[in-house]
Amino acid sequence: MRALIQRVSEGAVAVGGREIARIGKGYVILVCARKGDTPEDALSLAAKCAGLRVMEDAGGKMNLSLADTGGSALIVSQFTLYADTRRGNRPGFAEAAPPGEAAPLYESFVARMKEILGEENVRSGEFRAMMSVRIVNDGPVTVLIECPTHNQPRSALS
C-alpha cells in the first residue's frame, strides 16, 4: 500500500458538488492499495501515518504526530498513486488493486486511523467516487510512505 501525506492547514472533499468531509489542521492522506496487499499492510500503514512526526513543536521543528497534536486526518482513496509512467505518455494502472480488493483495505485503513486518532478526528472521501479534493498544504510538507508487501522488496523503499 502507498500513502501520500500532505500536512495541511485545511482540507475538504466534495462529491457531485456537495462537500462530504472537511478538516482543519492535520493531514490529507491519499491512499492506494496495490495488488497483493493484505489487511495487515493496511493496519501497519495507518499506524505509520498516524505516528508520522511532521507537525511542528513549540520550537518550530517537525517533531510531533497527529496523535500528539490532536490534529485531524482526511483520507481519500486514489488508485492513481500506483501509476506506471515508464512507457509512453499514458500511465498504466496495472499495479493498483482492483476495487473489490482495494475497498476492504481502504476501509480497514480508515477504521484503524479512527481507532488511533479518535473517530472525531478522522474524515474520509467516498471510495470509487469522482471527488474534488481541496488541499491547503502547510509548509509545504508532503511525504510518501509505502508499506512493504510480499511483492515489493524492502530495498526499493529505502
Protein backbone atom coordinates (compact mmCIF):
# COMPACT_ATOMS: atom_id res chain seq x y z
CA MET A 1 0.00 0.00 0.00
CA ARG A 2 1.03 3.55 -0.57
CA ALA A 3 0.03 6.78 1.19
CA LEU A 4 0.84 10.32 0.16
CA ILE A 5 0.56 12.54 3.23
CA GLN A 6 0.24 16.29 2.97
CA ARG A 7 0.35 18.42 6.09
CA VAL A 8 -2.47 20.92 5.71
CA SER A 9 -3.96 23.97 7.36
CA GLU A 10 -7.28 22.75 5.95
CA GLY A 11 -8.71 20.20 3.56
CA ALA A 12 -12.07 19.20 2.14
CA VAL A 13 -13.60 16.72 -0.27
CA ALA A 14 -16.76 17.05 -2.37
CA VAL A 15 -18.69 14.52 -4.43
CA GLY A 16 -21.08 15.79 -7.07
CA GLY A 17 -20.55 19.37 -5.94
CA ARG A 18 -21.60 18.56 -2.35
CA GLU A 19 -18.97 18.74 0.40
CA ILE A 20 -18.89 15.45 2.31
CA ALA A 21 -15.89 15.98 4.58
CA ARG A 22 -13.73 18.84 5.91
CA ILE A 23 -10.82 19.14 8.33
CA GLY A 24 -8.71 21.91 9.80
CA LYS A 25 -5.06 21.47 10.73
CA GLY A 26 -3.78 17.97 10.10
CA TYR A 27 -3.07 15.65 7.18
CA VAL A 28 -4.79 14.92 3.90
CA ILE A 29 -3.83 11.32 3.17
CA LEU A 30 -4.20 9.92 -0.33
CA VAL A 31 -4.22 6.11 -0.12
CA CYS A 32 -3.84 3.37 -2.72
CA ALA A 33 -3.81 -0.41 -2.40
CA ARG A 34 -1.57 -2.48 -4.61
CA LYS A 35 -2.42 -5.94 -5.93
CA GLY A 36 -1.47 -8.47 -3.26
CA ASP A 37 -1.65 -6.06 -0.31
CA THR A 38 -3.04 -7.55 2.89
CA PRO A 39 -5.20 -6.34 5.77
CA GLU A 40 -2.02 -6.28 7.87
CA ASP A 41 -0.49 -3.86 5.35
CA ALA A 42 -3.47 -1.53 5.76
CA LEU A 43 -3.20 -1.58 9.57
CA SER A 44 0.57 -1.08 9.51
CA LEU A 45 0.35 1.81 7.05
CA ALA A 46 -2.37 3.51 9.12
CA ALA A 47 -0.24 3.26 12.26
CA LYS A 48 2.76 4.68 10.39
CA CYS A 49 0.69 7.61 9.06
CA ALA A 50 -0.83 8.38 12.47
CA GLY A 51 2.61 8.31 14.08
CA LEU A 52 4.38 10.34 11.39
CA ARG A 53 6.11 13.24 13.13
CA VAL A 54 5.83 16.18 10.72
CA MET A 55 3.70 18.51 12.86
CA GLU A 56 5.66 21.38 14.37
CA ASP A 57 6.51 21.57 18.05
CA ALA A 58 6.79 24.81 20.06
CA GLY A 59 10.28 25.35 18.60
CA GLY A 60 9.04 25.08 15.01
CA LYS A 61 10.65 21.67 14.42
CA MET A 62 8.78 18.79 12.76
CA ASN A 63 8.70 16.67 15.87
CA LEU A 64 5.05 15.87 16.65
CA SER A 65 2.46 13.46 15.25
CA LEU A 66 -1.26 13.93 14.70
CA ALA A 67 -1.85 11.97 17.90
CA ASP A 68 0.42 14.39 19.78
CA THR A 69 -1.35 17.50 18.49
CA GLY A 70 -4.94 16.32 18.27
CA GLY A 71 -4.89 17.10 14.55
CA SER A 72 -7.30 15.67 12.00
CA ALA A 73 -6.91 13.37 9.02
CA LEU A 74 -8.86 13.47 5.77
CA ILE A 75 -8.39 10.15 3.95
CA VAL A 76 -9.05 9.86 0.23
CA SER A 77 -8.73 6.74 -1.93
CA GLN A 78 -6.63 7.40 -5.03
CA PHE A 79 -5.76 4.45 -7.27
CA THR A 80 -3.56 6.69 -9.45
CA LEU A 81 -0.81 6.57 -6.80
CA TYR A 82 0.29 3.32 -8.49
CA ALA A 83 0.52 4.89 -11.94
CA ASP A 84 3.26 3.40 -14.08
CA THR A 85 4.76 6.05 -16.35
CA ARG A 86 7.82 4.14 -17.56
CA ARG A 87 6.47 3.66 -21.09
CA GLY A 88 4.85 6.34 -23.20
CA ASN A 89 2.80 9.28 -22.01
CA ARG A 90 -0.32 7.47 -20.86
CA PRO A 91 0.06 5.99 -17.36
CA GLY A 92 -0.86 2.39 -16.72
CA PHE A 93 -2.57 1.30 -13.51
CA ALA A 94 -1.99 -2.47 -13.60
CA GLU A 95 -0.30 -2.47 -10.17
CA ALA A 96 -3.28 -0.89 -8.38
CA ALA A 97 -5.57 -3.37 -6.66
CA PRO A 98 -8.96 -3.84 -8.33
CA PRO A 99 -11.90 -2.20 -6.50
CA GLY A 100 -13.12 -5.43 -4.88
CA GLU A 101 -9.69 -6.00 -3.34
CA ALA A 102 -8.92 -2.35 -2.59
CA ALA A 103 -12.20 -1.33 -0.89
CA PRO A 104 -11.82 -3.50 2.23
CA LEU A 105 -8.18 -2.42 2.59
CA TYR A 106 -9.17 1.24 2.35
CA GLU A 107 -11.94 0.71 4.92
CA SER A 108 -9.50 -1.07 7.25
CA PHE A 109 -7.06 1.82 6.90
CA VAL A 110 -9.78 4.36 7.77
CA ALA A 111 -11.04 2.26 10.69
CA ARG A 112 -7.53 1.90 12.14
CA MET A 113 -6.91 5.64 11.84
CA LYS A 114 -10.15 6.24 13.76
CA GLU A 115 -9.02 3.81 16.48
CA ILE A 116 -5.70 5.62 16.84
CA LEU A 117 -6.78 9.25 16.47
CA GLY A 118 -10.41 9.09 17.60
CA GLU A 119 -13.45 8.97 15.35
CA GLU A 120 -14.00 12.71 15.67
CA ASN A 121 -10.56 13.42 14.16
CA VAL A 122 -10.86 11.30 11.00
CA ARG A 123 -12.89 12.04 7.89
CA SER A 124 -12.86 10.30 4.54
CA GLY A 125 -13.80 10.63 0.92
CA GLU A 126 -16.05 8.20 -0.92
CA PHE A 127 -14.40 5.10 -2.36
CA ARG A 128 -14.58 4.98 -6.21
CA ALA A 129 -16.31 8.35 -6.48
CA MET A 130 -15.13 11.20 -8.66
CA MET A 131 -14.09 13.68 -5.99
CA SER A 132 -12.98 17.26 -5.82
CA VAL A 133 -10.31 17.49 -3.13
CA ARG A 134 -9.19 20.82 -1.69
CA ILE A 135 -5.79 20.74 -0.06
CA VAL A 136 -4.16 23.77 1.55
CA ASN A 137 -0.66 22.40 2.02
CA ASP A 138 1.09 23.73 5.12
CA GLY A 139 4.83 24.16 4.72
CA PRO A 140 4.59 22.68 2.12
CA VAL A 141 5.12 19.27 3.68
CA THR A 142 4.45 16.15 1.59
CA VAL A 143 5.64 12.64 2.50
CA LEU A 144 5.24 9.34 0.62
CA ILE A 145 5.00 6.17 2.71
CA GLU A 146 4.91 2.64 1.35
CA CYS A 147 4.09 -0.46 3.29
CA PRO A 148 6.32 -3.39 2.32
CA THR A 149 4.49 -6.37 0.86
CA HIS A 150 5.42 -9.80 -0.38
CA ASN A 151 5.88 -8.44 -3.91
CA GLN A 152 7.68 -5.22 -3.04
CA PRO A 153 11.33 -5.56 -1.98
CA ARG A 154 12.39 -3.54 1.06
CA SER A 155 15.43 -2.15 -0.75
CA ALA A 156 13.09 -0.22 -3.07
CA LEU A 157 11.61 1.55 -0.06
CA SER A 158 14.77 2.99 1.42
